[in-house]
């Protein structure tokens, strides 16, 4: 499987759903407690930025702008951060 396809699958099947789950959890906490701490606010902002970056990468992949080398570099970085199942 190409690096581009592996990156797309990782984003679609693991990273983006995980980010969305954590973001949803924070919003549920805010809704329940009617408040948000400064730390939670900063975490939410960072998670939303990561989510947007992942979506931008998917757009780049789907438009054919992502080459194998760039995809491989991103995969290498992500595999350091994300433990394999």
N, C-alpha and C. Protein backbone atom coordinates (compact mmCIF):
# COMPACT_ATOMS: atom_id res chain seq x y z
N UNK A 1 0.85 -1.17 0.00
CA UNK A 1 0.00 0.00 0.00
C UNK A 1 0.90 1.23 0.00
N UNK A 2 0.52 2.21 -0.77
CA UNK A 2 1.32 3.43 -0.86
C UNK A 2 1.25 4.23 0.44
N UNK A 3 2.23 5.07 0.63
CA UNK A 3 2.26 5.93 1.82
C UNK A 3 1.07 6.88 1.84
N UNK A 4 0.69 7.36 0.67
CA UNK A 4 -0.46 8.27 0.58
C UNK A 4 -1.72 7.55 1.05
N UNK A 5 -1.93 6.32 0.59
CA UNK A 5 -3.12 5.56 1.00
C UNK A 5 -3.08 5.21 2.48
N UNK A 6 -1.90 4.84 2.99
CA UNK A 6 -1.77 4.53 4.41
C UNK A 6 -2.08 5.76 5.26
N UNK A 7 -1.58 6.92 4.84
CA UNK A 7 -1.84 8.16 5.56
C UNK A 7 -3.33 8.48 5.55
N UNK A 8 -3.96 8.34 4.40
CA UNK A 8 -5.40 8.62 4.28
C UNK A 8 -6.19 7.71 5.22
N UNK A 9 -5.88 6.42 5.21
CA UNK A 9 -6.59 5.48 6.09
C UNK A 9 -6.37 5.81 7.56
N UNK A 10 -5.14 6.13 7.93
CA UNK A 10 -4.84 6.48 9.31
C UNK A 10 -5.63 7.70 9.75
N UNK A 11 -5.68 8.70 8.89
CA UNK A 11 -6.44 9.90 9.22
C UNK A 11 -7.93 9.62 9.33
N UNK A 12 -8.47 8.90 8.34
CA UNK A 12 -9.92 8.66 8.30
C UNK A 12 -10.41 7.68 9.35
N UNK A 13 -9.60 6.67 9.65
CA UNK A 13 -10.07 5.60 10.52
C UNK A 13 -9.63 5.73 11.97
N UNK A 14 -8.59 6.49 12.22
CA UNK A 14 -8.11 6.57 13.60
C UNK A 14 -7.99 8.00 14.12
N UNK A 15 -7.19 8.81 13.46
CA UNK A 15 -6.86 10.12 14.02
C UNK A 15 -8.06 11.04 14.09
N UNK A 16 -8.75 11.24 12.97
CA UNK A 16 -9.89 12.16 12.97
C UNK A 16 -11.01 11.66 13.89
N UNK A 17 -11.40 10.39 13.85
CA UNK A 17 -12.42 9.94 14.80
C UNK A 17 -12.00 10.12 16.27
N UNK A 18 -10.73 9.85 16.58
CA UNK A 18 -10.25 10.04 17.96
C UNK A 18 -10.32 11.51 18.37
N UNK A 19 -9.89 12.40 17.48
CA UNK A 19 -9.96 13.83 17.78
C UNK A 19 -11.41 14.27 17.99
N UNK A 20 -12.30 13.81 17.12
CA UNK A 20 -13.71 14.18 17.23
C UNK A 20 -14.32 13.67 18.53
N UNK A 21 -13.91 12.49 18.97
CA UNK A 21 -14.44 11.94 20.22
C UNK A 21 -14.00 12.79 21.42
N UNK A 22 -12.76 13.20 21.43
CA UNK A 22 -12.26 14.02 22.54
C UNK A 22 -12.91 15.40 22.51
N UNK A 23 -13.03 15.99 21.32
CA UNK A 23 -13.68 17.29 21.20
C UNK A 23 -15.13 17.20 21.67
N UNK A 24 -15.84 16.17 21.25
CA UNK A 24 -17.23 15.97 21.69
C UNK A 24 -17.31 15.83 23.20
N UNK A 25 -16.38 15.11 23.78
CA UNK A 25 -16.35 14.93 25.23
C UNK A 25 -16.18 16.26 25.96
N UNK A 26 -15.31 17.09 25.44
CA UNK A 26 -15.11 18.41 26.06
C UNK A 26 -16.38 19.24 25.95
N UNK A 27 -17.03 19.22 24.78
CA UNK A 27 -18.28 19.96 24.63
C UNK A 27 -19.38 19.42 25.55
N UNK A 28 -19.42 18.11 25.76
CA UNK A 28 -20.40 17.54 26.68
C UNK A 28 -20.13 18.01 28.11
N UNK A 29 -18.87 18.08 28.48
CA UNK A 29 -18.49 18.58 29.80
C UNK A 29 -18.91 20.04 29.96
N UNK A 30 -18.66 20.83 28.93
CA UNK A 30 -19.05 22.25 28.96
C UNK A 30 -20.55 22.37 29.09
N UNK A 31 -21.29 21.56 28.33
CA UNK A 31 -22.75 21.61 28.36
C UNK A 31 -23.28 21.21 29.75
N UNK A 32 -22.64 20.20 30.34
CA UNK A 32 -23.07 19.70 31.64
C UNK A 32 -22.73 20.68 32.76
N UNK A 33 -21.51 21.22 32.73
CA UNK A 33 -21.05 22.07 33.82
C UNK A 33 -21.29 23.56 33.56
N UNK A 34 -21.66 23.90 32.35
CA UNK A 34 -21.94 25.29 31.95
C UNK A 34 -20.73 26.21 32.12
N UNK A 35 -19.54 25.61 32.13
CA UNK A 35 -18.31 26.39 32.26
C UNK A 35 -17.15 25.61 31.66
N UNK A 36 -16.06 26.31 31.46
CA UNK A 36 -14.87 25.67 30.91
C UNK A 36 -13.64 26.31 31.56
N UNK A 37 -12.71 25.47 31.96
CA UNK A 37 -11.48 25.99 32.57
C UNK A 37 -10.57 26.51 31.47
N UNK A 38 -9.59 27.29 31.88
CA UNK A 38 -8.63 27.82 30.92
C UNK A 38 -7.87 26.69 30.24
N UNK A 39 -7.51 25.66 31.00
CA UNK A 39 -6.81 24.50 30.45
C UNK A 39 -7.65 23.76 29.43
N UNK A 40 -8.93 23.56 29.75
CA UNK A 40 -9.83 22.89 28.81
C UNK A 40 -10.03 23.73 27.55
N UNK A 41 -10.12 25.03 27.74
CA UNK A 41 -10.29 25.92 26.59
C UNK A 41 -9.09 25.83 25.66
N UNK A 42 -7.88 25.82 26.23
CA UNK A 42 -6.66 25.71 25.43
C UNK A 42 -6.58 24.34 24.75
N UNK A 43 -6.93 23.28 25.49
CA UNK A 43 -6.91 21.94 24.91
C UNK A 43 -7.90 21.84 23.75
N UNK A 44 -9.09 22.40 23.93
CA UNK A 44 -10.10 22.39 22.89
C UNK A 44 -9.60 23.11 21.64
N UNK A 45 -8.99 24.26 21.84
CA UNK A 45 -8.46 25.03 20.72
C UNK A 45 -7.40 24.22 19.96
N UNK A 46 -6.48 23.59 20.68
CA UNK A 46 -5.43 22.80 20.05
C UNK A 46 -6.01 21.60 19.29
N UNK A 47 -6.99 20.93 19.89
CA UNK A 47 -7.62 19.78 19.24
C UNK A 47 -8.36 20.20 17.97
N UNK A 48 -9.03 21.33 18.03
CA UNK A 48 -9.74 21.82 16.86
C UNK A 48 -8.77 22.19 15.74
N UNK A 49 -7.61 22.76 16.11
CA UNK A 49 -6.59 23.09 15.12
C UNK A 49 -6.02 21.82 14.48
N UNK A 50 -5.76 20.80 15.32
CA UNK A 50 -5.26 19.52 14.78
C UNK A 50 -6.28 18.90 13.84
N UNK A 51 -7.55 18.95 14.22
CA UNK A 51 -8.63 18.41 13.40
C UNK A 51 -8.65 19.12 12.04
N UNK A 52 -8.55 20.43 12.06
CA UNK A 52 -8.56 21.20 10.82
C UNK A 52 -7.35 20.84 9.95
N UNK A 53 -6.19 20.67 10.57
CA UNK A 53 -4.99 20.29 9.82
C UNK A 53 -5.16 18.91 9.18
N UNK A 54 -5.75 17.99 9.92
CA UNK A 54 -5.99 16.65 9.36
C UNK A 54 -6.93 16.73 8.17
N UNK A 55 -7.97 17.53 8.28
CA UNK A 55 -8.91 17.70 7.16
C UNK A 55 -8.20 18.30 5.95
N UNK A 56 -7.30 19.26 6.19
CA UNK A 56 -6.55 19.87 5.10
C UNK A 56 -5.65 18.84 4.41
N UNK A 57 -5.05 17.97 5.19
CA UNK A 57 -4.21 16.91 4.62
C UNK A 57 -5.07 15.98 3.75
N UNK A 58 -6.26 15.63 4.23
CA UNK A 58 -7.15 14.78 3.44
C UNK A 58 -7.52 15.45 2.11
N UNK A 59 -7.78 16.74 2.16
CA UNK A 59 -8.11 17.48 0.94
C UNK A 59 -6.93 17.44 -0.03
N UNK A 60 -5.73 17.62 0.53
CA UNK A 60 -4.52 17.57 -0.30
C UNK A 60 -4.35 16.19 -0.93
N UNK A 61 -4.62 15.15 -0.17
CA UNK A 61 -4.53 13.78 -0.69
C UNK A 61 -5.55 13.56 -1.79
N UNK A 62 -6.79 13.93 -1.52
CA UNK A 62 -7.87 13.68 -2.48
C UNK A 62 -7.73 14.50 -3.75
N UNK A 63 -7.07 15.64 -3.67
CA UNK A 63 -6.88 16.46 -4.87
C UNK A 63 -5.64 16.04 -5.65
N UNK A 64 -4.89 15.07 -5.10
CA UNK A 64 -3.70 14.58 -5.79
C UNK A 64 -2.46 15.43 -5.57
N UNK A 65 -2.52 16.37 -4.63
CA UNK A 65 -1.39 17.26 -4.36
C UNK A 65 -0.35 16.65 -3.43
N UNK A 66 -0.69 15.57 -2.76
CA UNK A 66 0.23 14.93 -1.81
C UNK A 66 1.07 13.90 -2.55
N UNK A 67 2.39 14.04 -2.46
CA UNK A 67 3.25 13.05 -3.10
C UNK A 67 3.69 12.01 -2.07
N UNK A 68 4.25 10.92 -2.56
CA UNK A 68 4.66 9.80 -1.70
C UNK A 68 5.66 10.22 -0.63
N UNK A 69 6.61 11.05 -1.01
CA UNK A 69 7.65 11.47 -0.06
C UNK A 69 7.06 12.26 1.10
N UNK A 70 6.19 13.20 0.79
CA UNK A 70 5.55 14.01 1.83
C UNK A 70 4.67 13.13 2.73
N UNK A 71 3.94 12.21 2.12
CA UNK A 71 3.08 11.30 2.88
C UNK A 71 3.92 10.43 3.81
N UNK A 72 5.05 9.94 3.31
CA UNK A 72 5.95 9.10 4.12
C UNK A 72 6.48 9.88 5.32
N UNK A 73 6.87 11.13 5.11
CA UNK A 73 7.36 11.97 6.21
C UNK A 73 6.28 12.16 7.27
N UNK A 74 5.06 12.45 6.84
CA UNK A 74 3.95 12.62 7.78
C UNK A 74 3.66 11.33 8.53
N UNK A 75 3.67 10.21 7.82
CA UNK A 75 3.44 8.92 8.46
C UNK A 75 4.51 8.63 9.52
N UNK A 76 5.76 8.91 9.17
CA UNK A 76 6.85 8.68 10.12
C UNK A 76 6.64 9.50 11.39
N UNK A 77 6.23 10.75 11.24
CA UNK A 77 5.97 11.61 12.40
C UNK A 77 4.79 11.09 13.22
N UNK A 78 3.72 10.70 12.53
CA UNK A 78 2.52 10.23 13.23
C UNK A 78 2.76 8.91 13.94
N UNK A 79 3.55 8.03 13.34
CA UNK A 79 3.80 6.72 13.95
C UNK A 79 4.63 6.84 15.22
N UNK A 80 5.39 7.91 15.36
CA UNK A 80 6.13 8.17 16.60
C UNK A 80 5.14 8.57 17.70
N UNK A 81 4.14 9.35 17.33
CA UNK A 81 3.18 9.90 18.29
C UNK A 81 2.10 8.89 18.64
N UNK A 82 1.62 8.15 17.63
CA UNK A 82 0.48 7.26 17.81
C UNK A 82 0.95 5.82 17.95
N UNK A 83 0.64 5.19 19.07
CA UNK A 83 1.04 3.79 19.23
C UNK A 83 0.24 2.89 18.30
N UNK A 84 0.89 1.86 17.79
CA UNK A 84 0.18 0.91 16.93
C UNK A 84 -0.66 -0.01 17.79
N UNK A 85 -1.78 -0.45 17.22
CA UNK A 85 -2.68 -1.37 17.95
C UNK A 85 -2.12 -2.76 17.98
